Amino acid sequence: MTEFYICPPCGQPVVDQPQHLWTVAARFGNGWRHLIDDSPLCPAPSGGLTQPVAAHSPTPHDSQTREWAAETHRLFSPDGPFLPERLATAAAVMEHLTGWLLTATGPAAAPRTLTTYRDAAALLGSLHRVARLLARTCTETSDHIGGQLATDASARPTPGQDQADFNKHRSAMAFHLPEAASRFADAAAMTGRAWIAARATSALDPSGNL
């Protein structure tokens, strides 16, 4: 099951950061906003602040991948080990899945994989969440590199490498990543609105073909 959050009065998806703070990793106590227009949550019937609630959409797995999906969820659980090797493995898994998505959404395969508006909504919701993840990852990585730049003693070039060149390339990484984060945040906003439209279409005609 894929979990996301909705505003109870209107049932619309919400996110835990205002649009201009999507690249920040922390949650904000009263920062929940409607995804479609960045507005605050609807007033609660009691007159107080509305609290978002978790919603779930089924994530069907074919029989050949159901066991793999369950094991992957276990291996990459939030309370798992924070190891460089685990991060590298997660990146490798993402590369493989990206390759499959390139094939599945191509002109030859898309008619067989995206057959209903519900399928499209599931994919668009995933694209929205991935775009937000990429925005956060770019920001956090840039902040980390910037912190390392401030403490030169913690990062040194390999033997024979020029220190000036080493610092220049690290500075370039820290410079470009914030811009990338901003563009990913914009992509998250657009894919999020497309996801909402697909959900609405699916609700009107859940069995309708594309």
N, C-alpha and C. Protein backbone atom coordinates (compact mmCIF):
# COMPACT_ATOMS: atom_id res chain seq x y z
N MET A 1 0.83 -1.19 0.00
CA MET A 1 0.00 0.00 0.00
C MET A 1 0.88 1.25 0.00
N THR A 2 0.47 2.23 -0.78
CA THR A 2 1.16 3.51 -0.81
C THR A 2 0.41 4.49 0.08
N GLU A 3 1.15 5.12 1.01
CA GLU A 3 0.53 6.04 1.97
C GLU A 3 0.76 7.48 1.56
N PHE A 4 -0.29 8.28 1.65
CA PHE A 4 -0.17 9.71 1.48
C PHE A 4 -1.19 10.34 2.43
N TYR A 5 -1.22 11.68 2.49
CA TYR A 5 -2.10 12.35 3.45
C TYR A 5 -3.12 13.22 2.73
N ILE A 6 -4.31 13.29 3.32
CA ILE A 6 -5.38 14.09 2.74
C ILE A 6 -5.96 15.02 3.80
N CYS A 7 -6.64 16.06 3.32
CA CYS A 7 -7.38 16.97 4.18
C CYS A 7 -8.77 16.35 4.40
N PRO A 8 -9.16 16.02 5.64
CA PRO A 8 -10.43 15.30 5.86
C PRO A 8 -11.67 15.99 5.29
N PRO A 9 -11.84 17.32 5.44
CA PRO A 9 -13.08 17.92 4.93
C PRO A 9 -13.26 17.82 3.43
N CYS A 10 -12.14 17.95 2.66
CA CYS A 10 -12.28 17.96 1.20
C CYS A 10 -11.73 16.71 0.53
N GLY A 11 -10.94 15.92 1.25
CA GLY A 11 -10.39 14.69 0.68
C GLY A 11 -9.25 14.90 -0.29
N GLN A 12 -8.72 16.12 -0.39
CA GLN A 12 -7.63 16.40 -1.33
C GLN A 12 -6.27 16.07 -0.71
N PRO A 13 -5.31 15.62 -1.53
CA PRO A 13 -3.96 15.35 -1.01
C PRO A 13 -3.31 16.62 -0.44
N VAL A 14 -2.58 16.43 0.63
CA VAL A 14 -1.85 17.53 1.25
C VAL A 14 -0.39 17.14 1.42
N VAL A 15 0.46 18.16 1.56
CA VAL A 15 1.88 17.93 1.78
C VAL A 15 2.31 18.66 3.04
N ASP A 16 3.42 18.21 3.62
CA ASP A 16 3.81 18.70 4.94
C ASP A 16 4.75 19.88 4.92
N GLN A 17 4.89 20.52 3.77
CA GLN A 17 5.67 21.75 3.69
C GLN A 17 4.98 22.71 2.75
N PRO A 18 5.05 24.01 3.03
CA PRO A 18 4.58 24.98 2.04
C PRO A 18 5.41 24.86 0.77
N GLN A 19 4.87 25.30 -0.33
CA GLN A 19 5.53 25.11 -1.62
C GLN A 19 6.94 25.69 -1.64
N HIS A 20 7.13 26.85 -1.04
CA HIS A 20 8.45 27.47 -1.10
C HIS A 20 9.46 26.79 -0.17
N LEU A 21 9.02 25.80 0.63
CA LEU A 21 9.92 25.09 1.52
C LEU A 21 9.98 23.60 1.20
N TRP A 22 9.60 23.22 -0.01
CA TRP A 22 9.59 21.81 -0.35
C TRP A 22 10.96 21.16 -0.33
N THR A 23 11.99 21.96 -0.48
CA THR A 23 13.32 21.37 -0.49
C THR A 23 13.88 21.15 0.90
N VAL A 24 13.13 21.56 1.94
CA VAL A 24 13.59 21.39 3.31
C VAL A 24 13.14 20.04 3.83
N ALA A 25 14.02 19.38 4.57
CA ALA A 25 13.73 18.01 4.98
C ALA A 25 12.78 17.90 6.16
N ALA A 26 12.71 18.93 7.01
CA ALA A 26 11.95 18.81 8.26
C ALA A 26 10.46 19.00 8.02
N ARG A 27 9.66 18.40 8.89
CA ARG A 27 8.22 18.64 8.89
C ARG A 27 7.93 19.92 9.68
N PHE A 28 6.83 20.55 9.35
CA PHE A 28 6.45 21.79 10.02
C PHE A 28 5.11 21.57 10.71
N GLY A 29 5.03 22.01 11.97
CA GLY A 29 3.85 21.72 12.78
C GLY A 29 2.54 22.15 12.14
N ASN A 30 2.45 23.36 11.64
CA ASN A 30 1.22 23.84 11.00
C ASN A 30 1.47 24.14 9.52
N GLY A 31 2.40 23.40 8.93
CA GLY A 31 2.77 23.68 7.55
C GLY A 31 2.05 22.86 6.51
N TRP A 32 1.05 22.08 6.91
CA TRP A 32 0.34 21.25 5.95
C TRP A 32 -0.45 22.14 4.99
N ARG A 33 -0.31 21.84 3.70
CA ARG A 33 -0.95 22.64 2.67
C ARG A 33 -1.61 21.73 1.64
N HIS A 34 -2.68 22.22 1.01
CA HIS A 34 -3.26 21.49 -0.12
C HIS A 34 -2.24 21.47 -1.26
N LEU A 35 -2.07 20.30 -1.83
CA LEU A 35 -1.11 20.15 -2.92
C LEU A 35 -1.52 20.95 -4.15
N ILE A 36 -2.81 21.03 -4.40
CA ILE A 36 -3.28 21.61 -5.66
C ILE A 36 -3.01 23.12 -5.76
N ASP A 37 -3.09 23.84 -4.62
CA ASP A 37 -2.94 25.30 -4.71
C ASP A 37 -2.13 25.91 -3.57
N ASP A 38 -1.50 25.06 -2.75
CA ASP A 38 -0.65 25.53 -1.65
C ASP A 38 -1.43 26.29 -0.59
N SER A 39 -2.73 26.05 -0.50
CA SER A 39 -3.55 26.72 0.51
C SER A 39 -3.56 25.91 1.81
N PRO A 40 -3.86 26.56 2.96
CA PRO A 40 -3.94 25.82 4.23
C PRO A 40 -5.07 24.79 4.19
N LEU A 41 -5.05 23.85 5.14
CA LEU A 41 -6.10 22.85 5.22
C LEU A 41 -7.44 23.52 5.51
N CYS A 42 -8.50 22.86 5.09
CA CYS A 42 -9.84 23.40 5.31
C CYS A 42 -10.13 23.47 6.82
N PRO A 43 -10.96 24.41 7.24
CA PRO A 43 -11.31 24.49 8.66
C PRO A 43 -12.01 23.22 9.13
N ALA A 44 -11.74 22.83 10.34
CA ALA A 44 -12.41 21.68 10.92
C ALA A 44 -13.84 22.05 11.28
N PRO A 45 -14.78 21.09 11.23
CA PRO A 45 -16.16 21.38 11.60
C PRO A 45 -16.29 22.00 13.00
N SER A 46 -15.35 21.63 13.90
CA SER A 46 -15.40 22.17 15.26
C SER A 46 -14.87 23.59 15.35
N GLY A 47 -14.27 24.05 14.27
CA GLY A 47 -13.70 25.38 14.26
C GLY A 47 -12.21 25.42 14.56
N GLY A 48 -11.62 24.30 14.96
CA GLY A 48 -10.19 24.25 15.24
C GLY A 48 -9.39 23.93 13.99
N LEU A 49 -8.12 23.60 14.21
CA LEU A 49 -7.25 23.26 13.10
C LEU A 49 -7.53 21.84 12.63
N THR A 50 -7.62 21.67 11.34
CA THR A 50 -7.80 20.34 10.78
C THR A 50 -6.47 19.59 10.80
N GLN A 51 -6.52 18.34 11.19
CA GLN A 51 -5.33 17.50 11.16
C GLN A 51 -5.41 16.56 9.96
N PRO A 52 -4.36 16.47 9.18
CA PRO A 52 -4.39 15.56 8.03
C PRO A 52 -4.49 14.11 8.48
N VAL A 53 -5.04 13.28 7.64
CA VAL A 53 -5.15 11.85 7.94
C VAL A 53 -4.50 11.06 6.82
N ALA A 54 -3.99 9.91 7.18
CA ALA A 54 -3.32 9.05 6.20
C ALA A 54 -4.36 8.39 5.29
N ALA A 55 -4.05 8.32 4.03
CA ALA A 55 -4.86 7.60 3.06
C ALA A 55 -3.96 6.59 2.37
N HIS A 56 -4.56 5.57 1.84
CA HIS A 56 -3.78 4.51 1.21
C HIS A 56 -4.36 4.19 -0.16
N SER A 57 -3.48 3.94 -1.07
CA SER A 57 -3.91 3.44 -2.37
C SER A 57 -3.26 2.09 -2.58
N PRO A 58 -3.99 1.12 -3.08
CA PRO A 58 -3.42 -0.20 -3.26
C PRO A 58 -2.30 -0.18 -4.29
N THR A 59 -1.26 -0.91 -4.00
CA THR A 59 -0.15 -1.05 -4.93
C THR A 59 -0.07 -2.50 -5.37
N PRO A 60 -0.70 -2.84 -6.46
CA PRO A 60 -0.72 -4.24 -6.88
C PRO A 60 0.66 -4.71 -7.34
N HIS A 61 1.02 -5.89 -6.93
CA HIS A 61 2.26 -6.50 -7.38
C HIS A 61 1.91 -7.79 -8.11
N ASP A 62 2.54 -7.99 -9.24
CA ASP A 62 2.31 -9.26 -9.92
C ASP A 62 2.96 -10.38 -9.10
N SER A 63 2.54 -11.59 -9.35
CA SER A 63 2.96 -12.72 -8.52
C SER A 63 4.47 -12.92 -8.53
N GLN A 64 5.14 -12.52 -9.58
CA GLN A 64 6.59 -12.74 -9.67
C GLN A 64 7.38 -11.71 -8.86
N THR A 65 6.78 -10.57 -8.52
CA THR A 65 7.53 -9.54 -7.81
C THR A 65 7.00 -9.26 -6.41
N ARG A 66 5.91 -9.91 -6.02
CA ARG A 66 5.33 -9.61 -4.71
C ARG A 66 6.33 -9.90 -3.59
N GLU A 67 7.00 -11.04 -3.67
CA GLU A 67 7.98 -11.40 -2.63
C GLU A 67 9.16 -10.43 -2.64
N TRP A 68 9.60 -10.05 -3.84
CA TRP A 68 10.71 -9.10 -3.94
C TRP A 68 10.33 -7.76 -3.33
N ALA A 69 9.11 -7.29 -3.58
CA ALA A 69 8.67 -6.01 -3.04
C ALA A 69 8.64 -6.04 -1.51
N ALA A 70 8.15 -7.15 -0.95
CA ALA A 70 8.09 -7.27 0.50
C ALA A 70 9.49 -7.27 1.12
N GLU A 71 10.41 -7.99 0.49
CA GLU A 71 11.77 -8.06 1.01
C GLU A 71 12.47 -6.71 0.87
N THR A 72 12.22 -6.01 -0.22
CA THR A 72 12.82 -4.68 -0.42
C THR A 72 12.32 -3.71 0.65
N HIS A 73 11.02 -3.78 0.94
CA HIS A 73 10.45 -2.93 2.00
C HIS A 73 11.13 -3.21 3.32
N ARG A 74 11.41 -4.46 3.61
CA ARG A 74 12.07 -4.81 4.88
C ARG A 74 13.50 -4.30 4.90
N LEU A 75 14.23 -4.49 3.82
CA LEU A 75 15.64 -4.11 3.78
C LEU A 75 15.84 -2.60 3.89
N PHE A 76 14.90 -1.84 3.32
CA PHE A 76 15.06 -0.39 3.30
C PHE A 76 14.07 0.29 4.24
N SER A 77 13.74 -0.36 5.33
CA SER A 77 12.82 0.23 6.31
C SER A 77 13.48 1.42 6.98
N PRO A 78 12.68 2.39 7.48
CA PRO A 78 13.25 3.59 8.11
C PRO A 78 14.19 3.30 9.26
N ASP A 79 14.00 2.19 9.96
CA ASP A 79 14.88 1.89 11.10
C ASP A 79 16.03 0.98 10.70
N GLY A 80 16.30 0.87 9.39
CA GLY A 80 17.42 0.06 8.92
C GLY A 80 18.75 0.77 9.12
N PRO A 81 19.84 0.11 8.78
CA PRO A 81 21.17 0.70 9.00
C PRO A 81 21.45 1.85 8.03
N PHE A 82 22.11 2.88 8.54
CA PHE A 82 22.50 4.03 7.71
C PHE A 82 23.95 3.81 7.27
N LEU A 83 24.13 3.05 6.22
CA LEU A 83 25.46 2.69 5.75
C LEU A 83 25.68 3.21 4.34
N PRO A 84 26.92 3.60 4.01
CA PRO A 84 27.20 4.00 2.63
C PRO A 84 26.84 2.90 1.63
N GLU A 85 27.10 1.65 2.02
CA GLU A 85 26.80 0.55 1.11
C GLU A 85 25.30 0.43 0.86
N ARG A 86 24.49 0.69 1.90
CA ARG A 86 23.04 0.61 1.74
C ARG A 86 22.55 1.73 0.83
N LEU A 87 23.14 2.90 0.96
CA LEU A 87 22.79 4.02 0.09
C LEU A 87 23.15 3.70 -1.36
N ALA A 88 24.33 3.12 -1.56
CA ALA A 88 24.73 2.76 -2.92
C ALA A 88 23.81 1.71 -3.51
N THR A 89 23.37 0.78 -2.68
CA THR A 89 22.45 -0.25 -3.15
C THR A 89 21.11 0.36 -3.54
N ALA A 90 20.61 1.30 -2.72
CA ALA A 90 19.34 1.96 -3.03
C ALA A 90 19.44 2.71 -4.35
N ALA A 91 20.58 3.38 -4.58
CA ALA A 91 20.77 4.09 -5.84
C ALA A 91 20.79 3.13 -7.02
N ALA A 92 21.42 1.96 -6.83
CA ALA A 92 21.48 0.97 -7.90
C ALA A 92 20.09 0.42 -8.21
N VAL A 93 19.29 0.18 -7.17
CA VAL A 93 17.92 -0.28 -7.37
C VAL A 93 17.13 0.77 -8.15
N MET A 94 17.30 2.03 -7.79
CA MET A 94 16.60 3.10 -8.50
C MET A 94 16.99 3.14 -9.97
N GLU A 95 18.26 2.90 -10.26
CA GLU A 95 18.71 2.89 -11.65
C GLU A 95 17.99 1.79 -12.44
N HIS A 96 17.89 0.60 -11.85
CA HIS A 96 17.21 -0.51 -12.53
C HIS A 96 15.74 -0.20 -12.76
N LEU A 97 15.07 0.33 -11.74
CA LEU A 97 13.65 0.65 -11.87
C LEU A 97 13.43 1.78 -12.86
N THR A 98 14.36 2.74 -12.90
CA THR A 98 14.26 3.81 -13.89
C THR A 98 14.32 3.24 -15.30
N GLY A 99 15.20 2.28 -15.50
CA GLY A 99 15.30 1.64 -16.82
C GLY A 99 14.00 0.95 -17.21
N TRP A 100 13.35 0.30 -16.23
CA TRP A 100 12.09 -0.36 -16.54
C TRP A 100 10.99 0.65 -16.85
N LEU A 101 10.97 1.75 -16.10
CA LEU A 101 9.96 2.78 -16.35
C LEU A 101 10.14 3.41 -17.74
N LEU A 102 11.39 3.57 -18.17
CA LEU A 102 11.63 4.09 -19.51
C LEU A 102 11.01 3.18 -20.56
N THR A 103 11.15 1.88 -20.33
CA THR A 103 10.55 0.92 -21.27
C THR A 103 9.03 0.91 -21.17
N ALA A 104 8.52 0.87 -19.92
CA ALA A 104 7.08 0.71 -19.71
C ALA A 104 6.27 1.91 -20.18
N THR A 105 6.87 3.08 -20.19
CA THR A 105 6.13 4.28 -20.61
C THR A 105 6.42 4.67 -22.05
N GLY A 106 7.16 3.84 -22.77
CA GLY A 106 7.46 4.12 -24.17
C GLY A 106 6.23 3.92 -25.05
N PRO A 107 6.33 4.36 -26.31
CA PRO A 107 5.16 4.30 -27.20
C PRO A 107 4.67 2.88 -27.47
N ALA A 108 5.57 1.90 -27.40
CA ALA A 108 5.15 0.53 -27.66
C ALA A 108 4.55 -0.14 -26.43
N ALA A 109 5.10 0.16 -25.24
CA ALA A 109 4.66 -0.53 -24.03
C ALA A 109 3.56 0.18 -23.28
N ALA A 110 3.48 1.51 -23.40
CA ALA A 110 2.50 2.27 -22.61
C ALA A 110 1.06 1.78 -22.79
N PRO A 111 0.61 1.44 -24.00
CA PRO A 111 -0.77 0.95 -24.13
C PRO A 111 -1.05 -0.33 -23.34
N ARG A 112 0.01 -1.07 -22.99
CA ARG A 112 -0.18 -2.31 -22.23
C ARG A 112 0.02 -2.12 -20.74
N THR A 113 0.68 -1.02 -20.34
CA THR A 113 0.97 -0.80 -18.92
C THR A 113 0.10 0.29 -18.31
N LEU A 114 -0.25 1.30 -19.07
CA LEU A 114 -1.12 2.39 -18.59
C LEU A 114 -2.47 2.25 -19.27
N THR A 115 -3.29 1.38 -18.74
CA THR A 115 -4.55 1.07 -19.43
C THR A 115 -5.74 1.85 -18.88
N THR A 116 -5.65 2.34 -17.63
CA THR A 116 -6.78 3.05 -17.03
C THR A 116 -6.29 4.33 -16.38
N TYR A 117 -7.25 5.21 -16.05
CA TYR A 117 -6.90 6.42 -15.34
C TYR A 117 -6.36 6.12 -13.95
N ARG A 118 -6.78 5.03 -13.37
CA ARG A 118 -6.25 4.63 -12.07
C ARG A 118 -4.76 4.30 -12.18
N ASP A 119 -4.37 3.61 -13.27
CA ASP A 119 -2.96 3.33 -13.50
C ASP A 119 -2.18 4.63 -13.64
N ALA A 120 -2.73 5.56 -14.41
CA ALA A 120 -2.06 6.84 -14.61
C ALA A 120 -1.93 7.60 -13.30
N ALA A 121 -2.99 7.57 -12.49
CA ALA A 121 -2.95 8.28 -11.21
C ALA A 121 -1.87 7.69 -10.30
N ALA A 122 -1.75 6.37 -10.27
CA ALA A 122 -0.74 5.73 -9.44
C ALA A 122 0.66 6.14 -9.88
N LEU A 123 0.89 6.17 -11.19
CA LEU A 123 2.21 6.55 -11.70
C LEU A 123 2.50 8.02 -11.41
N LEU A 124 1.51 8.89 -11.64
CA LEU A 124 1.72 10.31 -11.41
C LEU A 124 1.96 10.62 -9.93
N GLY A 125 1.25 9.94 -9.04
CA GLY A 125 1.50 10.12 -7.62
C GLY A 125 2.92 9.73 -7.26
N SER A 126 3.41 8.64 -7.86
CA SER A 126 4.78 8.22 -7.61
C SER A 126 5.77 9.25 -8.15
N LEU A 127 5.50 9.77 -9.34
CA LEU A 127 6.39 10.78 -9.91
C LEU A 127 6.45 12.03 -9.03
N HIS A 128 5.29 12.42 -8.48
CA HIS A 128 5.26 13.57 -7.59
C HIS A 128 6.15 13.34 -6.36
N ARG A 129 5.99 12.18 -5.74
CA ARG A 129 6.77 11.90 -4.53
C ARG A 129 8.26 11.79 -4.84
N VAL A 130 8.60 11.20 -5.99
CA VAL A 130 10.01 11.10 -6.36
C VAL A 130 10.60 12.48 -6.62
N ALA A 131 9.83 13.35 -7.28
CA ALA A 131 10.34 14.71 -7.55
C ALA A 131 10.60 15.45 -6.24
N ARG A 132 9.70 15.30 -5.27
CA ARG A 132 9.92 15.93 -3.97
C ARG A 132 11.15 15.33 -3.28
N LEU A 133 11.32 14.02 -3.42
CA LEU A 133 12.49 13.37 -2.83
C LEU A 133 13.77 13.91 -3.46
N LEU A 134 13.77 14.07 -4.79
CA LEU A 134 14.96 14.56 -5.46
C LEU A 134 15.28 16.00 -5.05
N ALA A 135 14.24 16.81 -4.87
CA ALA A 135 14.47 18.18 -4.40
C ALA A 135 15.12 18.17 -3.03
N ARG A 136 14.60 17.34 -2.15
CA ARG A 136 15.18 17.25 -0.80
C ARG A 136 16.60 16.71 -0.86
N THR A 137 16.83 15.67 -1.66
CA THR A 137 18.16 15.06 -1.73
C THR A 137 19.19 16.05 -2.23
N CYS A 138 18.83 16.81 -3.27
CA CYS A 138 19.76 17.81 -3.78
C CYS A 138 20.09 18.85 -2.72
N THR A 139 19.08 19.30 -1.98
CA THR A 139 19.31 20.30 -0.94
C THR A 139 20.18 19.75 0.18
N GLU A 140 19.83 18.58 0.67
CA GLU A 140 20.58 18.01 1.78
C GLU A 140 22.02 17.71 1.38
N THR A 141 22.23 17.21 0.16
CA THR A 141 23.59 16.92 -0.31
C THR A 141 24.39 18.20 -0.45
N SER A 142 23.75 19.24 -0.99
CA SER A 142 24.43 20.53 -1.12
C SER A 142 24.82 21.09 0.24
N ASP A 143 23.90 20.99 1.21
CA ASP A 143 24.20 21.49 2.55
C ASP A 143 25.37 20.72 3.17
N HIS A 144 25.38 19.42 2.94
CA HIS A 144 26.45 18.60 3.50
C HIS A 144 27.79 18.97 2.88
N ILE A 145 27.80 19.13 1.55
CA ILE A 145 29.05 19.51 0.88
C ILE A 145 29.50 20.89 1.35
N GLY A 146 28.53 21.81 1.48
CA GLY A 146 28.87 23.14 1.96
C GLY A 146 29.49 23.10 3.34
N GLY A 147 28.96 22.23 4.19
CA GLY A 147 29.53 22.09 5.52
C GLY A 147 30.95 21.55 5.48
N GLN A 148 31.19 20.63 4.56
CA GLN A 148 32.54 20.10 4.42
C GLN A 148 33.50 21.15 3.89
N LEU A 149 33.00 21.99 2.98
CA LEU A 149 33.84 23.07 2.46
C LEU A 149 34.28 24.02 3.56
N ALA A 150 33.43 24.17 4.56
CA ALA A 150 33.75 25.09 5.65
C ALA A 150 34.80 24.52 6.60
N THR A 151 35.03 23.22 6.53
CA THR A 151 36.04 22.57 7.38
C THR A 151 36.99 21.81 6.49
N ASP A 152 37.93 22.52 5.91
CA ASP A 152 38.84 21.91 4.93
C ASP A 152 39.60 20.72 5.50
N ALA A 153 39.79 20.69 6.80
CA ALA A 153 40.57 19.61 7.38
C ALA A 153 39.87 18.27 7.25
N SER A 154 38.56 18.28 7.04
CA SER A 154 37.80 17.02 7.00
C SER A 154 37.76 16.41 5.60
N ALA A 155 38.23 17.12 4.60
CA ALA A 155 38.19 16.59 3.24
C ALA A 155 39.44 17.02 2.50
N ARG A 156 40.18 16.06 2.02
CA ARG A 156 41.43 16.34 1.33
C ARG A 156 41.48 15.62 -0.01
N PRO A 157 42.20 16.18 -0.99
CA PRO A 157 42.34 15.49 -2.27
C PRO A 157 43.20 14.25 -2.13
N THR A 158 43.13 13.39 -3.10
CA THR A 158 43.98 12.20 -3.10
C THR A 158 45.42 12.63 -3.38
N PRO A 159 46.38 11.81 -3.03
CA PRO A 159 47.78 12.17 -3.27
C PRO A 159 48.02 12.50 -4.75
N GLY A 160 48.69 13.60 -4.97
CA GLY A 160 48.99 14.01 -6.33
C GLY A 160 47.94 14.93 -6.94
N GLN A 161 46.78 15.10 -6.28
CA GLN A 161 45.74 15.98 -6.79
C GLN A 161 45.92 17.38 -6.22
N ASP A 162 45.71 18.38 -7.07
CA ASP A 162 45.89 19.76 -6.65
C ASP A 162 44.76 20.18 -5.71
N GLN A 163 45.11 20.79 -4.59
CA GLN A 163 44.11 21.22 -3.61
C GLN A 163 43.15 22.24 -4.19
N ALA A 164 43.65 23.17 -5.00
CA ALA A 164 42.80 24.19 -5.59
C ALA A 164 41.75 23.57 -6.52
N ASP A 165 42.16 22.60 -7.34
CA ASP A 165 41.21 21.93 -8.23
C ASP A 165 40.18 21.15 -7.42
N PHE A 166 40.64 20.52 -6.36
CA PHE A 166 39.75 19.75 -5.50
C PHE A 166 38.66 20.65 -4.92
N ASN A 167 39.04 21.79 -4.38
CA ASN A 167 38.07 22.72 -3.81
C ASN A 167 37.14 23.30 -4.87
N LYS A 168 37.68 23.57 -6.06
CA LYS A 168 36.87 24.14 -7.13
C LYS A 168 35.75 23.19 -7.52
N HIS A 169 36.06 21.91 -7.64
CA HIS A 169 35.03 20.94 -8.05
C HIS A 169 34.00 20.74 -6.95
N ARG A 170 34.44 20.75 -5.70
CA ARG A 170 33.47 20.62 -4.61
C ARG A 170 32.56 21.85 -4.55
N SER A 171 33.14 23.02 -4.79
CA SER A 171 32.33 24.24 -4.80
C SER A 171 31.31 24.20 -5.92
N ALA A 172 31.69 23.65 -7.07
CA ALA A 172 30.76 23.55 -8.20
C ALA A 172 29.57 22.66 -7.85
N MET A 173 29.84 21.56 -7.14
CA MET A 173 28.75 20.68 -6.72
C MET A 173 27.78 21.43 -5.82
N ALA A 174 28.32 22.14 -4.84
CA ALA A 174 27.46 22.86 -3.90
C ALA A 174 26.70 23.98 -4.59
N PHE A 175 27.26 24.53 -5.67
CA PHE A 175 26.62 25.62 -6.38
C PHE A 175 25.45 25.14 -7.23
N HIS A 176 25.62 24.03 -7.94
CA HIS A 176 24.61 23.58 -8.89
C HIS A 176 23.44 22.86 -8.22
N LEU A 177 23.68 22.22 -7.10
CA LEU A 177 22.62 21.42 -6.49
C LEU A 177 21.42 22.24 -6.03
N PRO A 178 21.58 23.42 -5.44
CA PRO A 178 20.39 24.19 -5.06
C PRO A 178 19.50 24.54 -6.25
N GLU A 179 20.10 24.85 -7.39
CA GLU A 179 19.29 25.14 -8.57
C GLU A 179 18.54 23.90 -9.01
N ALA A 180 19.21 22.75 -8.98
CA ALA A 180 18.54 21.50 -9.32
C ALA A 180 17.38 21.23 -8.37
N ALA A 181 17.59 21.51 -7.08
CA ALA A 181 16.54 21.30 -6.09
C ALA A 181 15.33 22.16 -6.42
N SER A 182 15.56 23.40 -6.80
CA SER A 182 14.45 24.30 -7.13
C SER A 182 13.66 23.77 -8.32
N ARG A 183 14.34 23.26 -9.31
CA ARG A 183 13.65 22.73 -10.50
C ARG A 183 12.88 21.46 -10.17
N PHE A 184 13.45 20.62 -9.33
CA PHE A 184 12.72 19.42 -8.91
C PHE A 184 11.48 19.80 -8.11
N ALA A 185 11.58 20.85 -7.28
CA ALA A 185 10.42 21.29 -6.51
C ALA A 185 9.32 21.78 -7.45
N ASP A 186 9.70 22.49 -8.52
CA ASP A 186 8.71 22.92 -9.51
C ASP A 186 8.08 21.71 -10.19
N ALA A 187 8.90 20.71 -10.52
CA ALA A 187 8.38 19.49 -11.14
C ALA A 187 7.43 18.77 -10.20
N ALA A 188 7.74 18.77 -8.89
CA ALA A 188 6.86 18.14 -7.91
C ALA A 188 5.51 18.83 -7.89
N ALA A 189 5.51 20.16 -7.98
CA ALA A 189 4.24 20.90 -7.98
C ALA A 189 3.41 20.53 -9.20
N MET A 190 4.04 20.47 -10.37
CA MET A 190 3.30 20.19 -11.60
C MET A 190 2.80 18.75 -11.64
N THR A 191 3.66 17.80 -11.29
CA THR A 191 3.21 16.40 -11.30
C THR A 191 2.16 16.17 -10.23
N GLY A 192 2.25 16.91 -9.11
CA GLY A 192 1.23 16.79 -8.07
C GLY A 192 -0.14 17.22 -8.57
N ARG A 193 -0.19 18.30 -9.32
CA ARG A 193 -1.47 18.76 -9.85
C ARG A 193 -2.00 17.80 -10.91
N ALA A 194 -1.09 17.24 -11.70
CA ALA A 194 -1.52 16.23 -12.68
C ALA A 194 -2.05 14.99 -11.96
N TRP A 195 -1.42 14.61 -10.86
CA TRP A 195 -1.88 13.47 -10.06
C TRP A 195 -3.28 13.71 -9.53
N ILE A 196 -3.55 14.92 -9.03
CA ILE A 196 -4.88 15.24 -8.52
C ILE A 196 -5.92 15.14 -9.63
N ALA A 197 -5.58 15.65 -10.82
CA ALA A 197 -6.51 15.58 -11.94
C ALA A 197 -6.78 14.13 -12.33
N ALA A 198 -5.74 13.30 -12.32
CA ALA A 198 -5.92 11.89 -12.67
C ALA A 198 -6.77 11.17 -11.62
N ARG A 199 -6.57 11.50 -10.33
CA ARG A 199 -7.38 10.91 -9.28
C ARG A 199 -8.86 11.28 -9.45
N ALA A 200 -9.10 12.54 -9.79
CA ALA A 200 -10.47 12.98 -9.98
C ALA A 200 -11.13 12.27 -11.15
N THR A 201 -10.39 12.13 -12.24
CA THR A 201 -10.92 11.43 -13.42
C THR A 201 -11.19 9.98 -13.11
N SER A 202 -10.28 9.36 -12.38
CA SER A 202 -10.45 7.96 -12.01
C SER A 202 -11.68 7.76 -11.13
N ALA A 203 -11.91 8.71 -10.20
CA ALA A 203 -13.07 8.60 -9.31
C ALA A 203 -14.38 8.71 -10.09
N LEU A 204 -14.39 9.51 -11.15
CA LEU A 204 -15.60 9.66 -11.95
C LEU A 204 -15.87 8.45 -12.81
N ASP A 205 -14.80 7.81 -13.27
CA ASP A 205 -14.94 6.65 -14.14
C ASP A 205 -13.80 5.68 -13.85
N PRO A 206 -13.84 4.97 -12.70
CA PRO A 206 -12.72 4.14 -12.30
C PRO A 206 -12.40 3.00 -13.24
N SER A 207 -13.36 2.59 -14.06
CA SER A 207 -13.09 1.48 -14.98
C SER A 207 -12.81 1.94 -16.39
N GLY A 208 -12.77 3.26 -16.58
CA GLY A 208 -12.59 3.77 -17.93
C GLY A 208 -11.18 3.61 -18.43
N ASN A 209 -11.04 3.25 -19.70
CA ASN A 209 -9.73 3.11 -20.31
C ASN A 209 -9.23 4.47 -20.76
N LEU A 210 -7.92 4.56 -20.84
CA LEU A 210 -7.32 5.78 -21.36
C LEU A 210 -7.61 5.92 -22.85
